[in-house]
Amino acid sequence: MESADEAQAAIDALNEQDLDGRTIRVNVAQERSGGDRPPRDFGNAPRGGGGGYRG
């Protein structure tokens, strides 16, 4: 985008539009704060795999 006005015009044109049967939201990206969600911990959950030749 060349200007903030062009960016806002694109947001206004695309926000709340239908895309493949779903309504999309378009807005200005905001920097995320890193402290509001704890890190994910999978503990001893199985990791899949184990496949292979079954002869």
C-alpha atoms as a PDB file:
ATOM      1  CA  MET A   1       0.000   0.000   0.000  1.00  0.00           C
ATOM      2  CA  GLU A   2       1.242   3.442  -0.795  1.00  0.00           C
ATOM      3  CA  SER A   3      -0.696   5.272   1.902  1.00  0.00           C
ATOM      4  CA  ALA A   4      -2.726   4.805   5.048  1.00  0.00           C
ATOM      5  CA  ASP A   5      -5.813   5.960   3.110  1.00  0.00           C
ATOM      6  CA  GLU A   6      -5.362   3.173   0.535  1.00  0.00           C
ATOM      7  CA  ALA A   7      -4.860   0.620   3.294  1.00  0.00           C
ATOM      8  CA  GLN A   8      -8.054   1.738   5.051  1.00  0.00           C
ATOM      9  CA  ALA A   9      -9.967   1.636   1.748  1.00  0.00           C
ATOM     10  CA  ALA A  10      -8.838  -1.980   1.216  1.00  0.00           C
ATOM     11  CA  ILE A  11      -9.891  -2.909   4.769  1.00  0.00           C
ATOM     12  CA  ASP A  12     -13.289  -1.257   4.293  1.00  0.00           C
ATOM     13  CA  ALA A  13     -13.818  -3.031   0.953  1.00  0.00           C
ATOM     14  CA  LEU A  14     -12.944  -6.526   2.237  1.00  0.00           C
ATOM     15  CA  ASN A  15     -14.107  -6.576   5.868  1.00  0.00           C
ATOM     16  CA  GLU A  16     -17.273  -8.614   6.559  1.00  0.00           C
ATOM     17  CA  GLN A  17     -17.289 -10.032   3.004  1.00  0.00           C
ATOM     18  CA  ASP A  18     -18.188 -13.619   2.105  1.00  0.00           C
ATOM     19  CA  LEU A  19     -15.312 -15.921   1.113  1.00  0.00           C
ATOM     20  CA  ASP A  20     -16.222 -19.508   0.217  1.00  0.00           C
ATOM     21  CA  GLY A  21     -19.360 -19.330   2.351  1.00  0.00           C
ATOM     22  CA  ARG A  22     -17.670 -17.758   5.384  1.00  0.00           C
ATOM     23  CA  THR A  23     -17.644 -14.136   6.536  1.00  0.00           C
ATOM     24  CA  ILE A  24     -14.103 -12.782   6.830  1.00  0.00           C
ATOM     25  CA  ARG A  25     -12.791 -10.038   9.097  1.00  0.00           C
ATOM     26  CA  VAL A  26     -10.062  -7.718   7.843  1.00  0.00           C
ATOM     27  CA  ASN A  27      -8.386  -5.198  10.125  1.00  0.00           C
ATOM     28  CA  VAL A  28      -5.049  -3.579  10.900  1.00  0.00           C
ATOM     29  CA  ALA A  29      -2.559  -6.037  12.408  1.00  0.00           C
ATOM     30  CA  GLN A  30      -1.715  -5.416  16.056  1.00  0.00           C
ATOM     31  CA  GLU A  31       1.451  -6.573  17.794  1.00  0.00           C
ATOM     32  CA  ARG A  32       0.709  -9.396  20.214  1.00  0.00           C
ATOM     33  CA  SER A  33       1.647  -9.133  23.848  1.00  0.00           C
ATOM     34  CA  GLY A  34       3.538 -12.251  24.855  1.00  0.00           C
ATOM     35  CA  GLY A  35       2.403 -12.722  28.448  1.00  0.00           C
ATOM     36  CA  ASP A  36      -1.299 -13.531  28.424  1.00  0.00           C
ATOM     37  CA  ARG A  37      -1.152 -17.218  27.431  1.00  0.00           C
ATOM     38  CA  PRO A  38       0.931 -19.923  29.128  1.00  0.00           C
ATOM     39  CA  PRO A  39       3.144 -22.095  26.898  1.00  0.00           C
ATOM     40  CA  ARG A  40       1.625 -25.363  25.686  1.00  0.00           C
ATOM     41  CA  ASP A  41       2.835 -28.510  27.455  1.00  0.00           C
ATOM     42  CA  PHE A  42       2.147 -31.869  25.876  1.00  0.00           C
ATOM     43  CA  GLY A  43       3.667 -33.819  28.778  1.00  0.00           C
ATOM     44  CA  ASN A  44       3.962 -37.513  27.992  1.00  0.00           C
ATOM     45  CA  ALA A  45       1.392 -37.514  25.194  1.00  0.00           C
ATOM     46  CA  PRO A  46       2.080 -40.075  22.449  1.00  0.00           C
ATOM     47  CA  ARG A  47       3.769 -38.527  19.439  1.00  0.00           C
ATOM     48  CA  GLY A  48       2.352 -40.756  16.709  1.00  0.00           C
ATOM     49  CA  GLY A  49       4.540 -42.505  14.207  1.00  0.00           C
ATOM     50  CA  GLY A  50       5.437 -46.131  14.744  1.00  0.00           C
ATOM     51  CA  GLY A  51       4.209 -47.129  11.310  1.00  0.00           C
ATOM     52  CA  GLY A  52       6.226 -49.068   8.854  1.00  0.00           C
ATOM     53  CA  TYR A  53       6.365 -52.301   6.928  1.00  0.00           C
ATOM     54  CA  ARG A  54       3.746 -54.838   8.023  1.00  0.00           C
ATOM     55  CA  GLY A  55       4.841 -57.576   5.665  1.00  0.00           C
END
